[in-house]
C-alpha atoms as a PDB file:
ATOM      1  CA  MET A   1     -12.602-103.428  20.479  1.00  0.00           C
ATOM      2  CA  THR A   2     -13.399-104.280  23.243  1.00  0.00           C
ATOM      3  CA  ARG A   3     -14.000-101.975  26.904  1.00  0.00           C
ATOM      4  CA  PRO A   4     -10.893-101.841  30.135  1.00  0.00           C
ATOM      5  CA  TYR A   5     -11.468-104.158  32.723  1.00  0.00           C
ATOM      6  CA  SER A   6     -12.921-101.736  35.496  1.00  0.00           C
ATOM      7  CA  ASN A   7     -11.342-100.386  37.692  1.00  0.00           C
ATOM      8  CA  ASP A   8     -12.092-102.192  40.678  1.00  0.00           C
ATOM      9  CA  LEU A   9     -10.866-105.127  39.797  1.00  0.00           C
ATOM     10  CA  ARG A  10      -7.505-103.811  38.631  1.00  0.00           C
ATOM     11  CA  GLU A  11      -7.809-102.604  42.052  1.00  0.00           C
ATOM     12  CA  ARG A  12      -7.956-106.071  44.084  1.00  0.00           C
ATOM     13  CA  VAL A  13      -5.464-107.811  41.095  1.00  0.00           C
ATOM     14  CA  ILE A  14      -3.125-105.332  41.143  1.00  0.00           C
ATOM     15  CA  ALA A  15      -3.408-105.254  46.131  1.00  0.00           C
ATOM     16  CA  ALA A  16      -2.555-108.457  45.580  1.00  0.00           C
ATOM     17  CA  VAL A  17       0.098-108.326  43.608  1.00  0.00           C
ATOM     18  CA  VAL A  18       0.990-105.757  46.280  1.00  0.00           C
ATOM     19  CA  ASP A  19      -0.250-108.954  48.778  1.00  0.00           C
ATOM     20  CA  GLY A  20       3.190-111.067  47.124  1.00  0.00           C
ATOM     21  CA  GLN A  21       1.389-112.980  45.229  1.00  0.00           C
ATOM     22  CA  SER A  22       2.928-113.836  41.900  1.00  0.00           C
ATOM     23  CA  CYS A  23       1.298-112.775  38.677  1.00  0.00           C
ATOM     24  CA  ARG A  24       0.113-116.534  37.424  1.00  0.00           C
ATOM     25  CA  VAL A  25      -1.557-117.231  40.647  1.00  0.00           C
ATOM     26  CA  VAL A  26      -3.290-113.767  40.602  1.00  0.00           C
ATOM     27  CA  ALA A  27      -4.133-114.206  37.054  1.00  0.00           C
ATOM     28  CA  GLU A  28      -5.485-118.042  37.718  1.00  0.00           C
ATOM     29  CA  ARG A  29      -7.540-116.155  40.650  1.00  0.00           C
ATOM     30  CA  PHE A  30      -9.192-113.831  38.694  1.00  0.00           C
ATOM     31  CA  ASP A  31      -9.636-115.859  35.277  1.00  0.00           C
ATOM     32  CA  ILE A  32      -7.899-112.964  33.437  1.00  0.00           C
ATOM     33  CA  ALA A  33      -4.387-113.828  31.153  1.00  0.00           C
ATOM     34  CA  VAL A  34      -0.856-113.141  33.561  1.00  0.00           C
ATOM     35  CA  SER A  35      -0.109-110.331  30.422  1.00  0.00           C
ATOM     36  CA  SER A  36      -2.275-108.041  31.969  1.00  0.00           C
ATOM     37  CA  VAL A  37      -1.857-108.229  35.568  1.00  0.00           C
ATOM     38  CA  VAL A  38       1.631-108.497  34.658  1.00  0.00           C
ATOM     39  CA  LYS A  39       1.019-104.757  32.540  1.00  0.00           C
ATOM     40  CA  TRP A  40      -1.189-103.474  35.466  1.00  0.00           C
ATOM     41  CA  SER A  41       0.954-103.848  37.860  1.00  0.00           C
ATOM     42  CA  GLN A  42       3.973-101.217  35.651  1.00  0.00           C
ATOM     43  CA  ARG A  43       1.493 -99.609  34.873  1.00  0.00           C
ATOM     44  CA  TYR A  44       0.717 -99.071  38.646  1.00  0.00           C
ATOM     45  CA  ARG A  45       4.571 -99.049  39.127  1.00  0.00           C
ATOM     46  CA  ALA A  46       5.075 -96.600  36.886  1.00  0.00           C
ATOM     47  CA  THR A  47       2.670 -94.157  37.622  1.00  0.00           C
ATOM     48  CA  GLY A  48       0.474 -94.836  41.023  1.00  0.00           C
ATOM     49  CA  SER A  49      -2.477 -95.361  39.349  1.00  0.00           C
ATOM     50  CA  VAL A  50      -4.383 -98.771  37.443  1.00  0.00           C
ATOM     51  CA  SER A  51      -6.842 -96.762  35.172  1.00  0.00           C
ATOM     52  CA  PRO A  52      -6.625 -97.532  32.069  1.00  0.00           C
ATOM     53  CA  GLY A  53      -5.053 -94.981  29.616  1.00  0.00           C
ATOM     54  CA  LYS A  54      -6.498 -93.517  26.703  1.00  0.00           C
ATOM     55  CA  MET A  55      -7.762 -96.295  23.912  1.00  0.00           C
ATOM     56  CA  GLY A  56      -7.646 -94.896  19.983  1.00  0.00           C
ATOM     57  CA  GLY A  57      -7.426 -91.438  19.375  1.00  0.00           C
ATOM     58  CA  HIS A  58      -3.712 -91.541  19.363  1.00  0.00           C
ATOM     59  CA  ARG A  59      -3.269 -90.198  15.677  1.00  0.00           C
ATOM     60  CA  ARG A  60      -0.971 -87.615  15.322  1.00  0.00           C
ATOM     61  CA  ARG A  61      -3.035 -84.868  12.662  1.00  0.00           C
ATOM     62  CA  VAL A  62      -0.468 -85.277  10.185  1.00  0.00           C
ATOM     63  CA  LEU A  63      -1.514 -82.245   8.343  1.00  0.00           C
ATOM     64  CA  GLU A  64      -2.621 -79.738  10.525  1.00  0.00           C
ATOM     65  CA  PRO A  65       1.246 -77.940  10.077  1.00  0.00           C
ATOM     66  CA  HIS A  66       0.017 -77.343   6.831  1.00  0.00           C
ATOM     67  CA  ARG A  67      -3.325 -76.291   6.962  1.00  0.00           C
ATOM     68  CA  ALA A  68      -2.786 -72.384   6.162  1.00  0.00           C
ATOM     69  CA  PHE A  69      -1.364 -73.184   2.939  1.00  0.00           C
ATOM     70  CA  ILE A  70      -4.125 -75.861   2.316  1.00  0.00           C
ATOM     71  CA  VAL A  71      -7.043 -73.147   3.456  1.00  0.00           C
ATOM     72  CA  VAL A  72      -5.462 -70.580   1.752  1.00  0.00           C
ATOM     73  CA  PHE A  73      -5.916 -73.191  -1.381  1.00  0.00           C
ATOM     74  CA  ARG A  74      -9.229 -73.952  -2.009  1.00  0.00           C
ATOM     75  CA  ARG A  75     -10.447 -71.138  -1.239  1.00  0.00           C
ATOM     76  CA  ALA A  76      -9.184 -69.603  -3.392  1.00  0.00           C
ATOM     77  CA  ASN A  77      -9.331 -73.257  -6.065  1.00  0.00           C
ATOM     78  CA  LEU A  78      -6.589 -73.830  -6.229  1.00  0.00           C
ATOM     79  CA  THR A  79      -4.264 -76.380  -7.506  1.00  0.00           C
ATOM     80  CA  PRO A  80      -0.149 -76.291  -5.545  1.00  0.00           C
ATOM     81  CA  LEU A  81       2.033 -76.664  -8.786  1.00  0.00           C
ATOM     82  CA  ALA A  82       4.054 -80.122  -8.753  1.00  0.00           C
ATOM     83  CA  GLY A  83       7.869 -80.521  -8.284  1.00  0.00           C
END
């Protein structure tokens, strides 16, 4: 997976958009994808920040609610009955 662009670049891109330049012009000027400029602009308007969101690790632990149950059965060396 690639690293996110630097906050310095993001701030310069957003500053150019805030100054009134179009996303296409800004993308060409900074040699990045138009979609990146659009997404960063949306993020800035929504949160007031240009920092990238968390990458990866968004998956919640599916079995966490059943942890106690699983631990008891593993310690007893038993398997739950089907049905």
